[in-house]
């Protein structure tokens, strides 16, 4: 698919959700009508009713036996492709990413101005939603990315959207929360057009974050994300195959 405007292209929303029975209904209720064609909730090794609630509310509910944010994103993206989507958006299932911001995130893709859109977190409305140690960890990873890639970035967001053909060309492998870092690093290395737009960010509706809920979890996440950045910093995309055509006689 060429880099022309994609307005009218089918869009799928993927919601990775691990034990988010307390919030998934609220998340799905806020998805704007007419903005996405399919909503896919991937319940990654959940032990609660997340998938059942999502299915009852009309979402395509998939169960992922592997643990890990990246595994859930991979499964959701494959499902989106099989349904015929051209664009896939991702938000967390814990209510922190407001679905109402989907039109803003999708706009650069639908107009053909970007291949990947990162919805960086605007904390002005809810400044206490991201704890101090999580902010420090995020800043360290972003600094590492700037050094390695020579490209400043605002955030490593859970709220993002990408053209499916671009996503498939990156060959993502991470199954943990390092998936977003791999996505961004490879997107930069592949010279994809990246747009960053501000999105609201709010407190999760129930439970505690699996990553930033504790200092230890944040430090482990920061190490994982930094190591992913280093691992893929020298990655190069495969050259597109050349189709030879016979000249007419």
C-alpha atoms as a PDB file:
ATOM      1  CA  UNK A   1       0.000   0.000   0.000  1.00  0.00           C
ATOM      2  CA  UNK A   2       1.391   3.377  -0.961  1.00  0.00           C
ATOM      3  CA  UNK A   3       1.754   6.304   1.404  1.00  0.00           C
ATOM      4  CA  UNK A   4      -1.392   7.944   0.140  1.00  0.00           C
ATOM      5  CA  UNK A   5      -4.216   9.182   2.325  1.00  0.00           C
ATOM      6  CA  UNK A   6      -5.949   6.334   4.149  1.00  0.00           C
ATOM      7  CA  UNK A   7      -9.190   8.067   5.008  1.00  0.00           C
ATOM      8  CA  UNK A   8     -11.923   5.459   5.089  1.00  0.00           C
ATOM      9  CA  UNK A   9      -9.493   2.587   5.710  1.00  0.00           C
ATOM     10  CA  UNK A  10     -10.707  -0.044   8.191  1.00  0.00           C
ATOM     11  CA  UNK A  11      -9.402   0.483  11.729  1.00  0.00           C
ATOM     12  CA  UNK A  12      -9.119  -2.054  14.536  1.00  0.00           C
ATOM     13  CA  UNK A  13      -8.631  -1.171  18.192  1.00  0.00           C
ATOM     14  CA  UNK A  14      -6.598  -3.669  20.230  1.00  0.00           C
ATOM     15  CA  UNK A  15      -6.918  -3.606  24.024  1.00  0.00           C
ATOM     16  CA  UNK A  16      -4.369  -5.785  25.867  1.00  0.00           C
ATOM     17  CA  UNK A  17      -5.908  -6.577  29.236  1.00  0.00           C
ATOM     18  CA  UNK A  18      -4.479  -8.761  31.987  1.00  0.00           C
ATOM     19  CA  UNK A  19      -6.919  -9.204  34.884  1.00  0.00           C
ATOM     20  CA  UNK A  20      -8.797  -5.988  34.107  1.00  0.00           C
ATOM     21  CA  UNK A  21     -12.332  -7.158  34.930  1.00  0.00           C
ATOM     22  CA  UNK A  22     -12.773  -4.076  37.100  1.00  0.00           C
ATOM     23  CA  UNK A  23     -12.135  -1.629  34.269  1.00  0.00           C
ATOM     24  CA  UNK A  24     -12.683  -3.218  30.867  1.00  0.00           C
ATOM     25  CA  UNK A  25     -16.411  -2.393  30.728  1.00  0.00           C
ATOM     26  CA  UNK A  26     -15.709   1.300  31.357  1.00  0.00           C
ATOM     27  CA  UNK A  27     -12.983   1.318  28.698  1.00  0.00           C
ATOM     28  CA  UNK A  28     -15.220  -0.247  26.051  1.00  0.00           C
ATOM     29  CA  UNK A  29     -18.129   2.040  26.899  1.00  0.00           C
ATOM     30  CA  UNK A  30     -15.991   5.075  26.013  1.00  0.00           C
ATOM     31  CA  UNK A  31     -14.869   3.929  22.543  1.00  0.00           C
ATOM     32  CA  UNK A  32     -16.382   6.569  20.218  1.00  0.00           C
ATOM     33  CA  UNK A  33     -19.026   5.344  17.806  1.00  0.00           C
ATOM     34  CA  UNK A  34     -17.941   5.145  14.192  1.00  0.00           C
ATOM     35  CA  UNK A  35     -14.212   5.643  14.865  1.00  0.00           C
ATOM     36  CA  UNK A  36     -13.062   2.011  14.749  1.00  0.00           C
ATOM     37  CA  UNK A  37     -14.474  -0.933  12.824  1.00  0.00           C
ATOM     38  CA  UNK A  38     -13.493  -3.621  15.322  1.00  0.00           C
ATOM     39  CA  UNK A  39     -12.571  -3.659  19.003  1.00  0.00           C
ATOM     40  CA  UNK A  40     -10.384  -6.595  20.014  1.00  0.00           C
ATOM     41  CA  UNK A  41      -9.719  -7.336  23.665  1.00  0.00           C
ATOM     42  CA  UNK A  42      -6.835  -9.719  24.249  1.00  0.00           C
ATOM     43  CA  UNK A  43      -6.977 -11.220  27.697  1.00  0.00           C
ATOM     44  CA  UNK A  44      -3.392 -12.233  28.348  1.00  0.00           C
ATOM     45  CA  UNK A  45      -3.379 -15.229  30.689  1.00  0.00           C
ATOM     46  CA  UNK A  46      -6.040 -13.548  32.825  1.00  0.00           C
ATOM     47  CA  UNK A  47      -7.528 -15.446  35.705  1.00  0.00           C
ATOM     48  CA  UNK A  48     -10.645 -13.296  35.970  1.00  0.00           C
ATOM     49  CA  UNK A  49     -13.699 -12.457  33.848  1.00  0.00           C
ATOM     50  CA  UNK A  50     -12.027  -9.879  31.581  1.00  0.00           C
ATOM     51  CA  UNK A  51     -12.678 -11.843  28.380  1.00  0.00           C
ATOM     52  CA  UNK A  52     -16.259 -12.731  29.328  1.00  0.00           C
ATOM     53  CA  UNK A  53     -17.133  -9.109  30.073  1.00  0.00           C
ATOM     54  CA  UNK A  54     -15.553  -7.910  26.816  1.00  0.00           C
ATOM     55  CA  UNK A  55     -17.446 -10.501  24.776  1.00  0.00           C
ATOM     56  CA  UNK A  56     -20.737  -9.625  26.449  1.00  0.00           C
ATOM     57  CA  UNK A  57     -20.206  -5.988  25.440  1.00  0.00           C
ATOM     58  CA  UNK A  58     -19.683  -6.868  21.781  1.00  0.00           C
ATOM     59  CA  UNK A  59     -15.899  -6.881  21.535  1.00  0.00           C
ATOM     60  CA  UNK A  60     -13.967  -9.669  19.886  1.00  0.00           C
ATOM     61  CA  UNK A  61     -12.514 -11.307  22.995  1.00  0.00           C
ATOM     62  CA  UNK A  62      -9.366 -13.371  22.535  1.00  0.00           C
ATOM     63  CA  UNK A  63      -7.488 -15.329  25.154  1.00  0.00           C
ATOM     64  CA  UNK A  64      -3.688 -15.339  25.028  1.00  0.00           C
ATOM     65  CA  UNK A  65      -2.031 -18.221  26.861  1.00  0.00           C
ATOM     66  CA  UNK A  66       1.345 -16.473  26.972  1.00  0.00           C
ATOM     67  CA  UNK A  67       1.933 -13.807  29.565  1.00  0.00           C
ATOM     68  CA  UNK A  68       3.228 -10.493  28.396  1.00  0.00           C
ATOM     69  CA  UNK A  69       2.080  -7.209  26.923  1.00  0.00           C
ATOM     70  CA  UNK A  70       3.866  -7.843  23.647  1.00  0.00           C
ATOM     71  CA  UNK A  71       2.277 -11.263  23.247  1.00  0.00           C
ATOM     72  CA  UNK A  72      -1.175  -9.709  23.634  1.00  0.00           C
ATOM     73  CA  UNK A  73      -0.363  -6.961  21.121  1.00  0.00           C
ATOM     74  CA  UNK A  74       0.929  -9.500  18.600  1.00  0.00           C
ATOM     75  CA  UNK A  75      -2.208 -11.622  18.910  1.00  0.00           C
ATOM     76  CA  UNK A  76      -4.452  -8.582  18.562  1.00  0.00           C
ATOM     77  CA  UNK A  77      -2.569  -7.299  15.510  1.00  0.00           C
ATOM     78  CA  UNK A  78      -2.810 -10.671  13.783  1.00  0.00           C
ATOM     79  CA  UNK A  79      -6.544 -10.767  14.451  1.00  0.00           C
ATOM     80  CA  UNK A  80      -6.897  -7.215  13.081  1.00  0.00           C
ATOM     81  CA  UNK A  81      -5.089  -8.196   9.886  1.00  0.00           C
ATOM     82  CA  UNK A  82      -7.291 -11.268   9.416  1.00  0.00           C
ATOM     83  CA  UNK A  83     -10.392  -9.084   9.741  1.00  0.00           C
ATOM     84  CA  UNK A  84      -9.159  -6.770   6.985  1.00  0.00           C
ATOM     85  CA  UNK A  85      -7.960  -3.791   9.030  1.00  0.00           C
ATOM     86  CA  UNK A  86      -5.410  -1.421   7.467  1.00  0.00           C
ATOM     87  CA  UNK A  87      -4.718   0.506  10.676  1.00  0.00           C
ATOM     88  CA  UNK A  88      -4.456  -0.812  14.226  1.00  0.00           C
ATOM     89  CA  UNK A  89      -4.605   1.260  17.407  1.00  0.00           C
ATOM     90  CA  UNK A  90      -3.592   0.132  20.892  1.00  0.00           C
ATOM     91  CA  UNK A  91      -4.794   1.327  24.304  1.00  0.00           C
ATOM     92  CA  UNK A  92      -4.432  -0.206  27.750  1.00  0.00           C
ATOM     93  CA  UNK A  93      -7.339  -1.979  29.388  1.00  0.00           C
ATOM     94  CA  UNK A  94      -6.879  -0.358  32.786  1.00  0.00           C
ATOM     95  CA  UNK A  95      -8.797   2.875  31.919  1.00  0.00           C
ATOM     96  CA  UNK A  96      -5.700   5.114  31.965  1.00  0.00           C
ATOM     97  CA  UNK A  97      -5.882   5.772  28.194  1.00  0.00           C
ATOM     98  CA  UNK A  98      -9.105   7.665  27.315  1.00  0.00           C
ATOM     99  CA  UNK A  99     -10.646   6.161  24.155  1.00  0.00           C
ATOM    100  CA  UNK A 100     -12.150   9.589  23.414  1.00  0.00           C
ATOM    101  CA  UNK A 101      -8.686  10.626  22.151  1.00  0.00           C
ATOM    102  CA  UNK A 102      -8.736   8.002  19.387  1.00  0.00           C
ATOM    103  CA  UNK A 103      -9.740  10.471  16.624  1.00  0.00           C
ATOM    104  CA  UNK A 104      -6.718  12.655  17.454  1.00  0.00           C
ATOM    105  CA  UNK A 105      -4.336   9.693  17.397  1.00  0.00           C
ATOM    106  CA  UNK A 106      -5.749   8.272  14.174  1.00  0.00           C
ATOM    107  CA  UNK A 107      -5.885  11.572  12.271  1.00  0.00           C
ATOM    108  CA  UNK A 108      -2.239  11.632  11.035  1.00  0.00           C
ATOM    109  CA  UNK A 109      -2.620   8.071   9.747  1.00  0.00           C
ATOM    110  CA  UNK A 110      -5.971   8.582   8.055  1.00  0.00           C
ATOM    111  CA  UNK A 111      -4.695  11.704   6.291  1.00  0.00           C
ATOM    112  CA  UNK A 112      -1.570   9.881   5.090  1.00  0.00           C
ATOM    113  CA  UNK A 113       0.826  12.108   7.065  1.00  0.00           C
ATOM    114  CA  UNK A 114       2.289   9.373   9.287  1.00  0.00           C
ATOM    115  CA  UNK A 115       2.959   5.648   9.464  1.00  0.00           C
ATOM    116  CA  UNK A 116       3.090   5.488  13.278  1.00  0.00           C
ATOM    117  CA  UNK A 117       1.427   7.789  15.806  1.00  0.00           C
ATOM    118  CA  UNK A 118       2.498   7.907  19.450  1.00  0.00           C
ATOM    119  CA  UNK A 119       0.005   9.363  21.902  1.00  0.00           C
ATOM    120  CA  UNK A 120       2.274  10.887  24.511  1.00  0.00           C
ATOM    121  CA  UNK A 121       0.802  11.317  27.981  1.00  0.00           C
ATOM    122  CA  UNK A 122      -0.377  14.807  28.930  1.00  0.00           C
ATOM    123  CA  UNK A 123      -0.386  14.815  32.734  1.00  0.00           C
ATOM    124  CA  UNK A 124      -1.621  18.370  33.278  1.00  0.00           C
ATOM    125  CA  UNK A 125      -5.212  17.388  34.017  1.00  0.00           C
ATOM    126  CA  UNK A 126      -4.211  14.557  36.380  1.00  0.00           C
ATOM    127  CA  UNK A 127      -0.621  15.292  37.506  1.00  0.00           C
ATOM    128  CA  UNK A 128      -0.586  12.624  40.195  1.00  0.00           C
ATOM    129  CA  UNK A 129      -1.445   9.694  37.946  1.00  0.00           C
ATOM    130  CA  UNK A 130       2.153   8.792  37.109  1.00  0.00           C
ATOM    131  CA  UNK A 131       4.202   8.199  40.246  1.00  0.00           C
ATOM    132  CA  UNK A 132       7.595   9.854  40.664  1.00  0.00           C
ATOM    133  CA  UNK A 133       9.713   6.732  40.251  1.00  0.00           C
ATOM    134  CA  UNK A 134       7.812   5.860  37.065  1.00  0.00           C
ATOM    135  CA  UNK A 135       8.555   9.314  35.638  1.00  0.00           C
ATOM    136  CA  UNK A 136      12.256   8.880  36.373  1.00  0.00           C
ATOM    137  CA  UNK A 137      12.332   5.431  34.771  1.00  0.00           C
ATOM    138  CA  UNK A 138      10.541   6.710  31.692  1.00  0.00           C
ATOM    139  CA  UNK A 139      12.944   9.647  31.401  1.00  0.00           C
ATOM    140  CA  UNK A 140      15.968   7.352  31.595  1.00  0.00           C
ATOM    141  CA  UNK A 141      14.686   5.142  28.795  1.00  0.00           C
ATOM    142  CA  UNK A 142      13.824   8.140  26.615  1.00  0.00           C
ATOM    143  CA  UNK A 143      17.328   9.539  27.164  1.00  0.00           C
ATOM    144  CA  UNK A 144      18.845   6.214  26.138  1.00  0.00           C
ATOM    145  CA  UNK A 145      16.724   6.208  22.985  1.00  0.00           C
ATOM    146  CA  UNK A 146      17.810   9.748  22.155  1.00  0.00           C
ATOM    147  CA  UNK A 147      21.483   8.790  22.488  1.00  0.00           C
ATOM    148  CA  UNK A 148      21.128   5.596  20.481  1.00  0.00           C
ATOM    149  CA  UNK A 149      18.810   6.868  17.749  1.00  0.00           C
ATOM    150  CA  UNK A 150      19.590  10.598  17.728  1.00  0.00           C
ATOM    151  CA  UNK A 151      15.868  11.276  17.787  1.00  0.00           C
ATOM    152  CA  UNK A 152      14.141  12.899  20.755  1.00  0.00           C
ATOM    153  CA  UNK A 153      10.827  11.366  21.779  1.00  0.00           C
ATOM    154  CA  UNK A 154       8.171  12.543  24.215  1.00  0.00           C
ATOM    155  CA  UNK A 155       7.070   9.191  25.660  1.00  0.00           C
ATOM    156  CA  UNK A 156       6.934   5.405  25.401  1.00  0.00           C
ATOM    157  CA  UNK A 157       3.154   5.279  25.260  1.00  0.00           C
ATOM    158  CA  UNK A 158       0.616   2.518  25.521  1.00  0.00           C
ATOM    159  CA  UNK A 159      -1.694   4.684  23.357  1.00  0.00           C
ATOM    160  CA  UNK A 160      -0.490   4.384  19.767  1.00  0.00           C
ATOM    161  CA  UNK A 161      -1.604   3.530  16.243  1.00  0.00           C
ATOM    162  CA  UNK A 162       0.180   2.234  13.168  1.00  0.00           C
ATOM    163  CA  UNK A 163      -0.459   1.146   9.619  1.00  0.00           C
ATOM    164  CA  UNK A 164      -0.637  -2.636   9.607  1.00  0.00           C
ATOM    165  CA  UNK A 165       1.668  -2.994   6.618  1.00  0.00           C
ATOM    166  CA  UNK A 166       4.255  -0.909   8.468  1.00  0.00           C
ATOM    167  CA  UNK A 167       3.843  -2.990  11.617  1.00  0.00           C
ATOM    168  CA  UNK A 168       4.248  -6.247   9.711  1.00  0.00           C
ATOM    169  CA  UNK A 169       7.429  -4.970   8.041  1.00  0.00           C
ATOM    170  CA  UNK A 170       9.121  -4.507  11.440  1.00  0.00           C
ATOM    171  CA  UNK A 171       9.016  -8.184  12.438  1.00  0.00           C
ATOM    172  CA  UNK A 172       8.495  -7.513  16.154  1.00  0.00           C
ATOM    173  CA  UNK A 173       9.600 -10.280  18.511  1.00  0.00           C
ATOM    174  CA  UNK A 174       9.273  -9.004  22.086  1.00  0.00           C
ATOM    175  CA  UNK A 175       6.491 -10.574  24.137  1.00  0.00           C
ATOM    176  CA  UNK A 176       6.950  -8.434  27.269  1.00  0.00           C
ATOM    177  CA  UNK A 177       6.446  -4.699  27.877  1.00  0.00           C
ATOM    178  CA  UNK A 178       9.627  -4.221  25.802  1.00  0.00           C
ATOM    179  CA  UNK A 179       7.364  -4.536  22.739  1.00  0.00           C
ATOM    180  CA  UNK A 180       6.726  -0.780  22.580  1.00  0.00           C
ATOM    181  CA  UNK A 181      10.444  -0.014  22.732  1.00  0.00           C
ATOM    182  CA  UNK A 182      11.162  -2.499  19.965  1.00  0.00           C
ATOM    183  CA  UNK A 183       8.349  -0.967  17.915  1.00  0.00           C
ATOM    184  CA  UNK A 184       9.683   2.573  18.264  1.00  0.00           C
ATOM    185  CA  UNK A 185      13.357   1.694  17.741  1.00  0.00           C
ATOM    186  CA  UNK A 186      12.627  -0.324  14.613  1.00  0.00           C
ATOM    187  CA  UNK A 187      10.239   2.331  13.311  1.00  0.00           C
ATOM    188  CA  UNK A 188      13.011   4.930  13.581  1.00  0.00           C
ATOM    189  CA  UNK A 189      15.537   2.586  11.979  1.00  0.00           C
ATOM    190  CA  UNK A 190      13.076   1.841   9.149  1.00  0.00           C
ATOM    191  CA  UNK A 191      12.601   5.580   8.562  1.00  0.00           C
ATOM    192  CA  UNK A 192       8.875   5.405   9.189  1.00  0.00           C
ATOM    193  CA  UNK A 193       7.093   8.721   9.515  1.00  0.00           C
ATOM    194  CA  UNK A 194       6.393   9.122  13.246  1.00  0.00           C
ATOM    195  CA  UNK A 195       3.930  11.654  14.636  1.00  0.00           C
ATOM    196  CA  UNK A 196       3.481  12.430  18.327  1.00  0.00           C
ATOM    197  CA  UNK A 197       0.209  13.840  19.614  1.00  0.00           C
ATOM    198  CA  UNK A 198      -0.783  14.641  23.204  1.00  0.00           C
ATOM    199  CA  UNK A 199      -3.435  12.467  24.847  1.00  0.00           C
ATOM    200  CA  UNK A 200      -5.034  12.652  28.248  1.00  0.00           C
ATOM    201  CA  UNK A 201      -3.873  10.292  30.960  1.00  0.00           C
ATOM    202  CA  UNK A 202      -5.747   9.347  34.100  1.00  0.00           C
ATOM    203  CA  UNK A 203      -5.612   6.912  36.993  1.00  0.00           C
ATOM    204  CA  UNK A 204      -6.369   3.264  36.394  1.00  0.00           C
ATOM    205  CA  UNK A 205      -9.866   2.311  37.501  1.00  0.00           C
ATOM    206  CA  UNK A 206      -9.062  -0.762  39.582  1.00  0.00           C
ATOM    207  CA  UNK A 207      -6.102  -2.704  40.914  1.00  0.00           C
ATOM    208  CA  UNK A 208      -2.451  -1.710  40.745  1.00  0.00           C
ATOM    209  CA  UNK A 209      -0.154  -1.286  37.767  1.00  0.00           C
ATOM    210  CA  UNK A 210       1.863  -4.390  36.933  1.00  0.00           C
ATOM    211  CA  UNK A 211       4.844  -2.198  36.023  1.00  0.00           C
ATOM    212  CA  UNK A 212       4.795   1.140  37.867  1.00  0.00           C
ATOM    213  CA  UNK A 213       2.874  -0.058  40.903  1.00  0.00           C
ATOM    214  CA  UNK A 214       6.108  -0.653  42.818  1.00  0.00           C
ATOM    215  CA  UNK A 215       9.624   0.790  42.762  1.00  0.00           C
ATOM    216  CA  UNK A 216      11.064  -2.641  42.033  1.00  0.00           C
ATOM    217  CA  UNK A 217       8.654  -3.127  39.147  1.00  0.00           C
ATOM    218  CA  UNK A 218       9.586   0.261  37.704  1.00  0.00           C
ATOM    219  CA  UNK A 219      13.326  -0.437  37.947  1.00  0.00           C
ATOM    220  CA  UNK A 220      12.912  -3.848  36.323  1.00  0.00           C
ATOM    221  CA  UNK A 221      10.852  -2.266  33.563  1.00  0.00           C
ATOM    222  CA  UNK A 222      13.422   0.482  32.981  1.00  0.00           C
ATOM    223  CA  UNK A 223      16.189  -2.105  32.677  1.00  0.00           C
ATOM    224  CA  UNK A 224      14.125  -4.202  30.282  1.00  0.00           C
ATOM    225  CA  UNK A 225      13.255  -1.221  28.111  1.00  0.00           C
ATOM    226  CA  UNK A 226      16.836   0.064  28.000  1.00  0.00           C
ATOM    227  CA  UNK A 227      18.161  -3.381  27.096  1.00  0.00           C
ATOM    228  CA  UNK A 228      15.585  -3.614  24.299  1.00  0.00           C
ATOM    229  CA  UNK A 229      16.683  -0.226  22.991  1.00  0.00           C
ATOM    230  CA  UNK A 230      20.314  -1.386  22.861  1.00  0.00           C
ATOM    231  CA  UNK A 231      19.401  -4.753  21.327  1.00  0.00           C
ATOM    232  CA  UNK A 232      17.543  -3.260  18.381  1.00  0.00           C
ATOM    233  CA  UNK A 233      19.521  -0.032  17.888  1.00  0.00           C
ATOM    234  CA  UNK A 234      21.503  -1.574  15.014  1.00  0.00           C
ATOM    235  CA  UNK A 235      18.568  -3.381  13.445  1.00  0.00           C
ATOM    236  CA  UNK A 236      18.111  -2.773   9.742  1.00  0.00           C
ATOM    237  CA  UNK A 237      14.938  -3.476   7.786  1.00  0.00           C
ATOM    238  CA  UNK A 238      14.986  -6.103   5.096  1.00  0.00           C
ATOM    239  CA  UNK A 239      15.269  -4.718   1.599  1.00  0.00           C
ATOM    240  CA  UNK A 240      12.003  -5.083  -0.309  1.00  0.00           C
ATOM    241  CA  UNK A 241      12.034  -7.904  -2.799  1.00  0.00           C
ATOM    242  CA  UNK A 242      12.361  -6.865  -6.420  1.00  0.00           C
ATOM    243  CA  UNK A 243       9.911  -8.372  -8.848  1.00  0.00           C
ATOM    244  CA  UNK A 244      11.469  -8.825 -12.278  1.00  0.00           C
ATOM    245  CA  UNK A 245       9.170  -8.207 -15.207  1.00  0.00           C
ATOM    246  CA  UNK A 246       9.728  -9.545 -18.687  1.00  0.00           C
ATOM    247  CA  UNK A 247      10.056  -6.886 -21.340  1.00  0.00           C
ATOM    248  CA  UNK A 248       7.516  -7.207 -24.125  1.00  0.00           C
ATOM    249  CA  UNK A 249       8.908  -8.700 -27.320  1.00  0.00           C
END
